[in-house]
Amino acid sequence: MKRLLLSLLFVVPLFAFAQSNFQKGYVVTPAKDTLRGYIDYKERAVNPKSFNFRSQPNSETQQFNTNNTTEVVINETIVYQVFAVNISTSEVNISQLSSSPDFKFRRDTVFLKVLQAGTNINLYAYRDQLKLRFYSKDNSSAEPVELIRQLYLKDGGVLMSIDSYRRQLLAAIGKLNPAKEQQLSRFLKYEETDLVKAVALINNQEVGKPTTPPIRFFAGIGLNAGKAKYHGTNLLANTAAVSTTSYLPAINAGIDMFANPEIGKLIYRAELSFSMSKNKVSTTTSDQANAALSQSFDQFNVALTPQVIYNLYNKENLKAFVGIGAAINFATYSNNRLSRYNSFRNDTEESSDMTEFEKLYFSIPAVAGVVINKNIEIAIGYSFPAAITNYSSYDITMQRMRIGVNYLFGKL
């Protein structure tokens, strides 16, 4: 199982970039023809430069770019339109900012994503490797205009911002919907949520609720298999040492945040879990004073785990996923006993709390599983061995496997 999880984790990046995700949609050609079929909509950090299209799910793939299409619509809700626009080239990375305003731009024909469409103006987004930009276009204009926000450093490091986009939006509402001008000041951050609200105000529209929420919550139960093991120069680290596996229940809860809710493949998960284990490591040696040794202890563990989850198979009622994370573990210990049998004297000596355990430690968990009917998640996880002691000559590590069921509170 460990090798399987490791193999899956190594191939996740390949799936993320290579796997297709054809959804119902259509493209509009420059001749105004509408071609209905299926469009490959992938996880992207930037606006696409082209789309793969099939007239039927298994038919030959065609590619549409800014030269042979004017609009791409996916699932009736995701819309990209082609425009030739001016694209600002000023930096937003603080370490790269200029000492004066930089109003340079390049001219290009690109796919703009429609964020808000209305009777007065439309709002678009365009992201490339440099930054995210927003555009607006009123119905009397031939092309969208970038909503400009300019950052620069002044007087040896003072961050300055020229928020031209505020004046642009105020001018638009003054011209198209002056009755709402006073309300606009509430929605003037250079962020998608605020700008969508501002444009909805200009259009005298309500902001629609997203059809696919960006987050969901989950809770679950499972069976945790924990095992402690010695490593290094310690009698309990020899080849004859036996570690017992503890099987005890575990519970967990958390939140999922979707990189792109419209696709639902890449998920950032934050999980809080509670588990227990009753651990014992024992061995025999040729030394009469240490003819038999055993270390036992109970651990109660609370883990806070940020994870990255990727759906390798992503259909509506069945998904298969893998993931990896980094856990911060907070542990308490009890029944910490070391037992030593002396065969020469034929007696057993027991000591308590001789071993000092780490109350805070880190571990790397991996997970794989399936989601059935949108809400039932069945998963198996493995937490790679993590040191729970801090001795110079030896370590005790804890490894865990877990099988569990989560209930997902959401639609995806």
Protein backbone atom coordinates (compact mmCIF):
# COMPACT_ATOMS: atom_id res chain seq x y z
CA MET A 1 0.00 0.00 0.00
CA LYS A 2 2.85 2.42 0.83
CA ARG A 3 4.42 1.85 -2.58
CA LEU A 4 1.06 2.29 -4.30
CA LEU A 5 0.43 5.64 -2.60
CA LEU A 6 3.95 6.85 -3.40
CA SER A 7 3.56 5.86 -7.05
CA LEU A 8 0.23 7.67 -7.29
CA LEU A 9 1.70 10.82 -5.77
CA PHE A 10 4.52 10.90 -8.29
CA VAL A 11 2.13 10.69 -11.24
CA VAL A 12 -0.28 13.36 -9.95
CA PRO A 13 1.52 16.22 -11.76
CA LEU A 14 1.36 14.28 -15.01
CA PHE A 15 -2.38 13.77 -14.65
CA ALA A 16 -2.92 17.40 -13.67
CA PHE A 17 -1.43 18.66 -16.91
CA ALA A 18 -2.29 15.84 -19.29
CA GLN A 19 -5.74 14.59 -18.35
CA SER A 20 -8.61 15.86 -20.45
CA ASN A 21 -11.84 17.19 -18.98
CA PHE A 22 -14.39 17.51 -21.79
CA GLN A 23 -17.54 19.36 -20.77
CA LYS A 24 -20.63 20.30 -22.77
CA GLY A 25 -20.31 23.63 -24.52
CA TYR A 26 -20.01 25.45 -27.80
CA VAL A 27 -17.74 27.74 -29.79
CA VAL A 28 -18.71 30.67 -32.01
CA THR A 29 -16.64 31.17 -35.15
CA PRO A 30 -15.77 34.51 -36.78
CA ALA A 31 -18.49 33.69 -39.35
CA LYS A 32 -21.01 33.58 -36.43
CA ASP A 33 -21.51 29.83 -36.73
CA THR A 34 -22.21 28.06 -33.43
CA LEU A 35 -20.56 24.65 -33.07
CA ARG A 36 -21.99 22.61 -30.21
CA GLY A 37 -20.12 19.74 -28.61
CA TYR A 38 -17.59 19.18 -25.83
CA ILE A 39 -14.78 21.46 -24.69
CA ASP A 40 -11.70 20.42 -22.73
CA TYR A 41 -11.71 22.69 -19.67
CA LYS A 42 -8.54 22.20 -17.60
CA GLU A 43 -7.14 23.57 -14.38
CA ARG A 44 -5.16 26.65 -15.41
CA ALA A 45 -3.37 29.36 -13.49
CA VAL A 46 -3.59 31.69 -16.51
CA ASN A 47 -6.14 32.44 -19.22
CA PRO A 48 -6.08 29.78 -21.97
CA LYS A 49 -4.60 30.47 -25.39
CA SER A 50 -6.66 27.76 -27.08
CA PHE A 51 -9.37 25.16 -26.43
CA ASN A 52 -9.71 21.56 -27.59
CA PHE A 53 -13.17 20.77 -29.00
CA ARG A 54 -15.01 17.59 -29.94
CA SER A 55 -18.38 17.43 -31.63
CA GLN A 56 -19.02 14.13 -29.80
CA PRO A 57 -17.29 12.74 -26.66
CA ASN A 58 -15.12 10.31 -28.68
CA SER A 59 -14.82 12.17 -31.97
CA GLU A 60 -11.69 13.76 -33.40
CA THR A 61 -10.29 16.73 -31.48
CA GLN A 62 -10.21 20.18 -33.06
CA GLN A 63 -8.36 23.16 -31.65
CA PHE A 64 -9.85 26.64 -31.47
CA ASN A 65 -7.73 29.67 -30.72
CA THR A 66 -8.02 33.44 -30.99
CA ASN A 67 -7.75 33.23 -34.78
CA ASN A 68 -10.66 30.88 -35.48
CA THR A 69 -13.18 31.62 -32.73
CA THR A 70 -14.78 34.64 -31.08
CA GLU A 71 -16.43 33.00 -28.08
CA VAL A 72 -16.21 29.78 -26.04
CA VAL A 73 -18.99 28.75 -23.64
CA ILE A 74 -18.69 25.80 -21.24
CA ASN A 75 -21.64 24.35 -19.32
CA GLU A 76 -23.68 27.47 -20.16
CA THR A 77 -21.94 29.37 -17.32
CA ILE A 78 -18.23 29.72 -18.19
CA VAL A 79 -17.68 32.20 -20.99
CA TYR A 80 -14.50 33.35 -22.75
CA GLN A 81 -14.59 36.01 -25.46
CA VAL A 82 -11.84 37.01 -27.87
CA PHE A 83 -10.68 40.64 -28.00
CA ALA A 84 -7.67 42.63 -29.12
CA VAL A 85 -6.75 44.70 -26.06
CA ASN A 86 -3.99 46.72 -24.45
CA ILE A 87 -2.32 44.70 -21.66
CA SER A 88 -0.38 46.55 -18.98
CA THR A 89 3.12 45.22 -18.30
CA SER A 90 3.84 46.90 -14.96
CA GLU A 91 4.96 44.69 -12.07
CA VAL A 92 2.97 43.83 -8.96
CA ASN A 93 5.74 41.88 -7.22
CA ILE A 94 7.10 44.24 -4.55
CA SER A 95 10.70 43.17 -5.17
CA GLN A 96 10.31 44.11 -8.87
CA LEU A 97 8.44 47.41 -8.55
CA SER A 98 9.78 50.49 -10.31
CA SER A 99 10.51 53.78 -8.55
CA SER A 100 7.94 55.63 -10.65
CA PRO A 101 4.64 54.78 -12.36
CA ASP A 102 5.03 52.42 -15.32
CA PHE A 103 2.24 52.80 -17.88
CA LYS A 104 3.76 50.58 -20.57
CA PHE A 105 1.56 48.02 -22.27
CA ARG A 106 1.56 45.45 -25.04
CA ARG A 107 -1.08 44.81 -27.63
CA ASP A 108 -2.44 41.29 -28.04
CA THR A 109 -5.51 39.28 -28.99
CA VAL A 110 -6.54 37.09 -26.07
CA PHE A 111 -9.34 35.15 -24.42
CA LEU A 112 -10.97 37.28 -21.71
CA LYS A 113 -13.09 35.50 -19.12
CA VAL A 114 -16.52 37.05 -18.62
CA LEU A 115 -17.12 37.74 -14.92
CA GLN A 116 -20.28 39.85 -15.21
CA ALA A 117 -22.44 40.56 -18.25
CA GLY A 118 -25.07 43.25 -18.16
CA THR A 119 -27.17 45.79 -20.02
CA ASN A 120 -24.67 48.62 -19.48
CA ILE A 121 -21.18 47.14 -19.19
CA ASN A 122 -19.41 43.79 -19.00
CA LEU A 123 -16.57 42.84 -16.66
CA TYR A 124 -13.72 40.58 -17.77
CA ALA A 125 -10.60 39.02 -16.24
CA TYR A 126 -7.24 38.26 -17.84
CA ARG A 127 -4.35 36.59 -16.03
CA ASP A 128 -0.96 35.76 -17.48
CA GLN A 129 2.33 34.83 -15.83
CA LEU A 130 2.81 38.43 -14.67
CA LYS A 131 -0.47 39.33 -12.95
CA LEU A 132 -4.27 39.43 -12.91
CA ARG A 133 -6.01 42.28 -14.72
CA PHE A 134 -9.66 43.32 -15.01
CA TYR A 135 -11.35 44.87 -18.05
CA SER A 136 -14.66 46.63 -18.61
CA LYS A 137 -16.58 47.28 -21.82
CA ASP A 138 -19.74 49.26 -22.26
CA ASN A 139 -22.13 48.38 -25.04
CA SER A 140 -21.10 51.34 -27.18
CA SER A 141 -17.38 50.40 -27.22
CA ALA A 142 -15.64 48.12 -29.70
CA GLU A 143 -13.21 46.60 -27.19
CA PRO A 144 -12.71 46.26 -23.43
CA VAL A 145 -10.52 48.73 -21.53
CA GLU A 146 -8.24 47.59 -18.74
CA LEU A 147 -9.15 48.79 -15.26
CA ILE A 148 -5.78 50.16 -14.25
CA ARG A 149 -4.13 49.77 -10.87
CA GLN A 150 -0.52 50.94 -10.80
CA LEU A 151 1.93 50.08 -7.99
CA TYR A 152 5.39 51.61 -7.51
CA LEU A 153 7.90 52.42 -4.77
CA LYS A 154 8.62 55.98 -3.75
CA ASP A 155 11.22 57.62 -1.46
CA GLY A 156 13.27 54.53 -0.81
CA GLY A 157 10.54 51.98 -0.34
CA VAL A 158 7.13 53.58 0.32
CA LEU A 159 4.50 51.58 -1.55
CA MET A 160 2.31 53.82 -3.72
CA SER A 161 -0.84 52.92 -5.61
CA ILE A 162 -2.47 54.80 -8.49
CA ASP A 163 -6.03 53.47 -8.56
CA SER A 164 -7.19 54.67 -11.95
CA TYR A 165 -9.83 51.93 -12.01
CA ARG A 166 -11.80 53.80 -9.35
CA ARG A 167 -12.16 56.85 -11.59
CA GLN A 168 -13.03 54.61 -14.53
CA LEU A 169 -15.88 52.92 -12.64
CA LEU A 170 -17.14 56.17 -11.12
CA ALA A 171 -17.23 57.69 -14.60
CA ALA A 172 -19.14 54.67 -15.91
CA ILE A 173 -21.78 54.74 -13.18
CA GLY A 174 -22.10 58.52 -13.49
CA LYS A 175 -22.87 58.07 -17.16
CA LEU A 176 -24.95 54.89 -17.11
CA ASN A 177 -26.61 54.71 -13.69
CA PRO A 178 -26.04 57.96 -11.76
CA ALA A 179 -28.65 57.09 -9.12
CA LYS A 180 -26.30 54.41 -7.74
CA GLU A 181 -23.15 56.55 -7.67
CA GLN A 182 -23.12 56.94 -3.88
CA GLN A 183 -23.28 53.16 -3.35
CA LEU A 184 -20.33 52.39 -5.62
CA SER A 185 -17.70 53.48 -3.09
CA ARG A 186 -18.43 50.32 -1.06
CA PHE A 187 -17.18 48.07 -3.86
CA LEU A 188 -13.91 49.55 -5.03
CA LYS A 189 -11.20 47.08 -4.00
CA TYR A 190 -9.19 45.69 -6.90
CA GLU A 191 -10.60 42.22 -6.32
CA GLU A 192 -12.98 40.06 -8.34
CA THR A 193 -15.70 39.98 -5.66
CA ASP A 194 -15.80 43.75 -5.26
CA LEU A 195 -15.56 44.54 -8.96
CA VAL A 196 -18.37 42.11 -9.80
CA LYS A 197 -20.55 43.88 -7.22
CA ALA A 198 -19.57 47.28 -8.65
CA VAL A 199 -20.43 46.28 -12.21
CA ALA A 200 -23.71 44.69 -11.06
CA LEU A 201 -24.54 48.04 -9.45
CA ILE A 202 -23.78 49.89 -12.69
CA ASN A 203 -26.00 47.40 -14.53
CA ASN A 204 -28.72 47.66 -11.88
CA GLN A 205 -28.49 43.88 -11.39
CA GLU A 206 -28.27 41.48 -8.45
CA VAL A 207 -25.05 39.52 -8.05
CA GLY A 208 -25.90 35.92 -8.78
CA LYS A 209 -24.89 33.23 -6.34
CA PRO A 210 -22.24 30.85 -7.70
CA THR A 211 -23.69 27.60 -9.00
CA THR A 212 -20.62 25.76 -7.70
CA PRO A 213 -19.58 26.94 -4.21
CA PRO A 214 -15.81 27.44 -3.79
CA ILE A 215 -15.70 25.58 -0.45
CA ARG A 216 -17.28 22.60 1.27
CA PHE A 217 -17.04 21.08 4.72
CA PHE A 218 -16.60 17.45 5.68
CA ALA A 219 -16.55 15.18 8.72
CA GLY A 220 -15.79 11.51 9.13
CA ILE A 221 -14.76 8.50 11.15
CA GLY A 222 -12.15 5.86 10.53
CA LEU A 223 -9.92 3.09 11.83
CA ASN A 224 -6.34 4.09 12.64
CA ALA A 225 -3.53 1.51 12.60
CA GLY A 226 -0.52 2.90 14.47
CA LYS A 227 2.89 1.35 14.99
CA ALA A 228 6.01 2.61 16.78
CA LYS A 229 9.51 1.53 15.82
CA TYR A 230 13.05 2.13 17.10
CA HIS A 231 15.95 3.20 14.88
CA GLY A 232 19.63 3.71 15.74
CA THR A 233 21.84 2.42 18.53
CA ASN A 234 19.32 0.98 20.93
CA LEU A 235 18.67 -2.63 21.91
CA LEU A 236 15.04 -2.18 20.86
CA ALA A 237 16.24 -1.27 17.36
CA ASN A 238 17.74 -4.70 16.64
CA THR A 239 16.45 -7.00 13.91
CA ALA A 240 14.61 -9.19 16.42
CA ALA A 241 12.48 -6.29 17.70
CA VAL A 242 8.74 -6.67 17.25
CA SER A 243 6.37 -3.70 17.03
CA THR A 244 2.70 -4.32 17.69
CA THR A 245 0.11 -2.55 15.58
CA SER A 246 -2.66 -0.73 17.43
CA TYR A 247 -6.12 -0.55 15.85
CA LEU A 248 -8.30 2.20 17.30
CA PRO A 249 -11.02 4.56 15.99
CA ALA A 250 -10.28 8.06 14.73
CA ILE A 251 -12.41 11.06 13.86
CA ASN A 252 -11.75 14.04 11.60
CA ALA A 253 -13.33 17.16 10.13
CA GLY A 254 -12.23 19.95 7.83
CA ILE A 255 -12.79 22.21 4.87
CA ASP A 256 -12.08 21.85 1.14
CA MET A 257 -11.24 24.87 -1.05
CA PHE A 258 -11.45 24.35 -4.80
CA ALA A 259 -8.80 25.86 -7.05
CA ASN A 260 -11.50 26.11 -9.71
CA PRO A 261 -15.00 25.19 -8.48
CA GLU A 262 -16.21 24.93 -12.06
CA ILE A 263 -13.85 21.98 -12.60
CA GLY A 264 -13.46 20.60 -9.08
CA LYS A 265 -10.29 18.61 -9.74
CA LEU A 266 -7.66 20.42 -7.66
CA ILE A 267 -8.59 20.84 -4.00
CA TYR A 268 -6.80 22.46 -1.07
CA ARG A 269 -7.85 20.69 2.10
CA ALA A 270 -7.40 21.64 5.75
CA GLU A 271 -8.14 18.74 8.09
CA LEU A 272 -8.25 18.37 11.86
CA SER A 273 -8.04 14.77 13.09
CA PHE A 274 -8.03 12.96 16.43
CA SER A 275 -6.53 9.50 16.91
CA MET A 276 -5.18 7.17 19.60
CA SER A 277 -2.70 4.33 19.62
CA LYS A 278 -1.48 1.79 22.18
CA ASN A 279 2.10 1.01 21.26
CA LYS A 280 4.56 -1.68 22.28
CA VAL A 281 8.04 -2.57 21.01
CA SER A 282 9.72 -5.69 22.40
CA THR A 283 12.83 -7.75 21.73
CA THR A 284 15.11 -10.44 23.13
CA THR A 285 18.92 -10.27 23.32
CA SER A 286 21.85 -12.54 24.26
CA ASP A 287 22.71 -10.23 27.14
CA GLN A 288 21.47 -11.80 30.38
CA ALA A 289 20.86 -8.38 31.97
CA ASN A 290 18.64 -7.49 29.01
CA ALA A 291 17.31 -10.88 28.03
CA ALA A 292 13.91 -9.36 27.22
CA LEU A 293 13.08 -5.68 26.74
CA SER A 294 9.85 -3.89 25.97
CA GLN A 295 8.74 -0.28 25.71
CA SER A 296 5.04 0.50 25.81
CA PHE A 297 3.15 3.79 25.71
CA ASP A 298 -0.21 5.23 24.73
CA GLN A 299 -0.46 8.24 22.46
CA PHE A 300 -3.37 10.63 21.92
CA ASN A 301 -2.71 12.66 18.78
CA VAL A 302 -4.31 15.77 17.31
CA ALA A 303 -3.15 16.58 13.76
CA LEU A 304 -3.72 19.73 11.74
CA THR A 305 -3.03 18.83 8.12
CA PRO A 306 -3.00 21.10 5.06
CA GLN A 307 -3.26 18.89 1.97
CA VAL A 308 -3.42 19.04 -1.79
CA ILE A 309 -6.00 16.68 -3.32
CA TYR A 310 -6.31 15.90 -7.03
CA ASN A 311 -9.18 14.03 -8.70
CA LEU A 312 -7.59 11.70 -11.24
CA TYR A 313 -11.06 10.58 -12.33
CA ASN A 314 -13.69 13.30 -12.09
CA LYS A 315 -17.22 12.35 -13.08
CA GLU A 316 -20.39 13.66 -11.47
CA ASN A 317 -21.20 10.60 -9.36
CA LEU A 318 -17.78 8.99 -9.08
CA LYS A 319 -14.38 10.54 -8.42
CA ALA A 320 -11.02 8.92 -7.69
CA PHE A 321 -8.34 11.00 -6.00
CA VAL A 322 -4.88 11.07 -4.46
CA GLY A 323 -3.35 13.64 -2.16
CA ILE A 324 -0.42 14.58 0.03
CA GLY A 325 -0.01 16.94 2.97
CA ALA A 326 2.15 18.12 5.85
CA ALA A 327 0.76 17.49 9.32
CA ILE A 328 1.47 19.37 12.53
CA ASN A 329 0.93 16.88 15.33
CA PHE A 330 0.13 17.73 18.96
CA ALA A 331 0.49 14.62 21.14
CA THR A 332 0.08 13.57 24.75
CA TYR A 333 1.45 10.32 26.20
CA SER A 334 0.50 8.01 29.04
CA ASN A 335 1.39 4.54 30.41
CA ASN A 336 5.00 5.18 29.39
CA ARG A 337 6.76 2.04 30.68
CA LEU A 338 10.06 0.30 30.04
CA SER A 339 10.28 -3.36 31.09
CA ARG A 340 13.61 -5.18 31.42
CA TYR A 341 13.93 -8.93 32.19
CA ASN A 342 17.19 -10.18 33.76
CA SER A 343 17.52 -13.90 33.05
CA PHE A 344 20.46 -14.32 35.42
CA ARG A 345 18.47 -13.04 38.42
CA ASN A 346 15.15 -14.19 36.95
CA ASP A 347 13.43 -10.90 37.71
CA THR A 348 11.75 -8.10 35.79
CA GLU A 349 12.37 -4.42 36.40
CA GLU A 350 9.82 -1.85 35.24
CA SER A 351 10.43 1.90 34.95
CA SER A 352 7.96 4.66 34.20
CA ASP A 353 8.51 7.75 32.07
CA MET A 354 12.11 6.89 31.24
CA THR A 355 11.55 7.78 27.58
CA GLU A 356 10.87 11.41 26.73
CA PHE A 357 8.51 11.91 23.79
CA GLU A 358 7.98 14.96 21.59
CA LYS A 359 4.68 16.72 22.16
CA LEU A 360 4.98 18.58 18.85
CA TYR A 361 6.22 16.88 15.71
CA PHE A 362 5.66 16.88 11.96
CA SER A 363 4.67 14.12 9.56
CA ILE A 364 3.89 13.60 5.88
CA PRO A 365 0.53 11.91 5.15
CA ALA A 366 -0.61 10.57 1.77
CA VAL A 367 -4.13 9.56 0.83
CA ALA A 368 -6.05 7.88 -1.98
CA GLY A 369 -9.75 7.19 -2.31
CA VAL A 370 -13.04 7.63 -4.10
CA VAL A 371 -16.09 9.89 -3.80
CA ILE A 372 -19.43 8.20 -4.50
CA ASN A 373 -22.64 10.09 -5.33
CA LYS A 374 -20.99 13.46 -4.57
CA ASN A 375 -21.14 13.15 -0.77
CA ILE A 376 -19.59 9.86 0.39
CA GLU A 377 -15.80 9.75 0.47
CA ILE A 378 -13.98 6.48 1.19
CA ALA A 379 -10.23 6.86 1.64
CA ILE A 380 -7.13 5.03 2.77
CA GLY A 381 -4.17 6.99 4.05
CA TYR A 382 -0.60 6.41 5.07
CA SER A 383 1.49 8.67 7.28
CA PHE A 384 5.19 8.18 6.68
CA PRO A 385 7.29 7.34 9.78
CA ALA A 386 7.89 10.50 11.85
CA ALA A 387 10.24 10.84 14.79
CA ILE A 388 8.49 11.33 18.13
CA THR A 389 11.72 11.49 20.18
CA ASN A 390 14.78 13.72 19.98
CA TYR A 391 17.72 11.60 21.12
CA SER A 392 21.13 11.84 19.45
CA SER A 393 21.79 8.09 19.18
CA TYR A 394 18.36 6.71 18.36
CA ASP A 395 14.80 7.62 17.39
CA ILE A 396 11.35 6.23 17.95
CA THR A 397 9.16 6.79 14.92
CA MET A 398 5.41 6.54 14.56
CA GLN A 399 3.76 5.45 11.35
CA ARG A 400 0.05 5.23 10.68
CA MET A 401 -2.36 3.77 8.18
CA ARG A 402 -6.00 4.68 8.17
CA ILE A 403 -9.18 3.74 6.39
CA GLY A 404 -12.13 6.02 6.81
CA VAL A 405 -15.39 7.42 5.52
CA ASN A 406 -16.14 11.15 5.20
CA TYR A 407 -19.43 12.87 4.53
CA LEU A 408 -18.98 15.86 2.21
CA PHE A 409 -21.34 18.76 2.82
CA GLY A 410 -21.56 20.21 -0.67
CA LYS A 411 -22.63 19.75 -4.28
CA LEU A 412 -19.33 18.99 -5.99
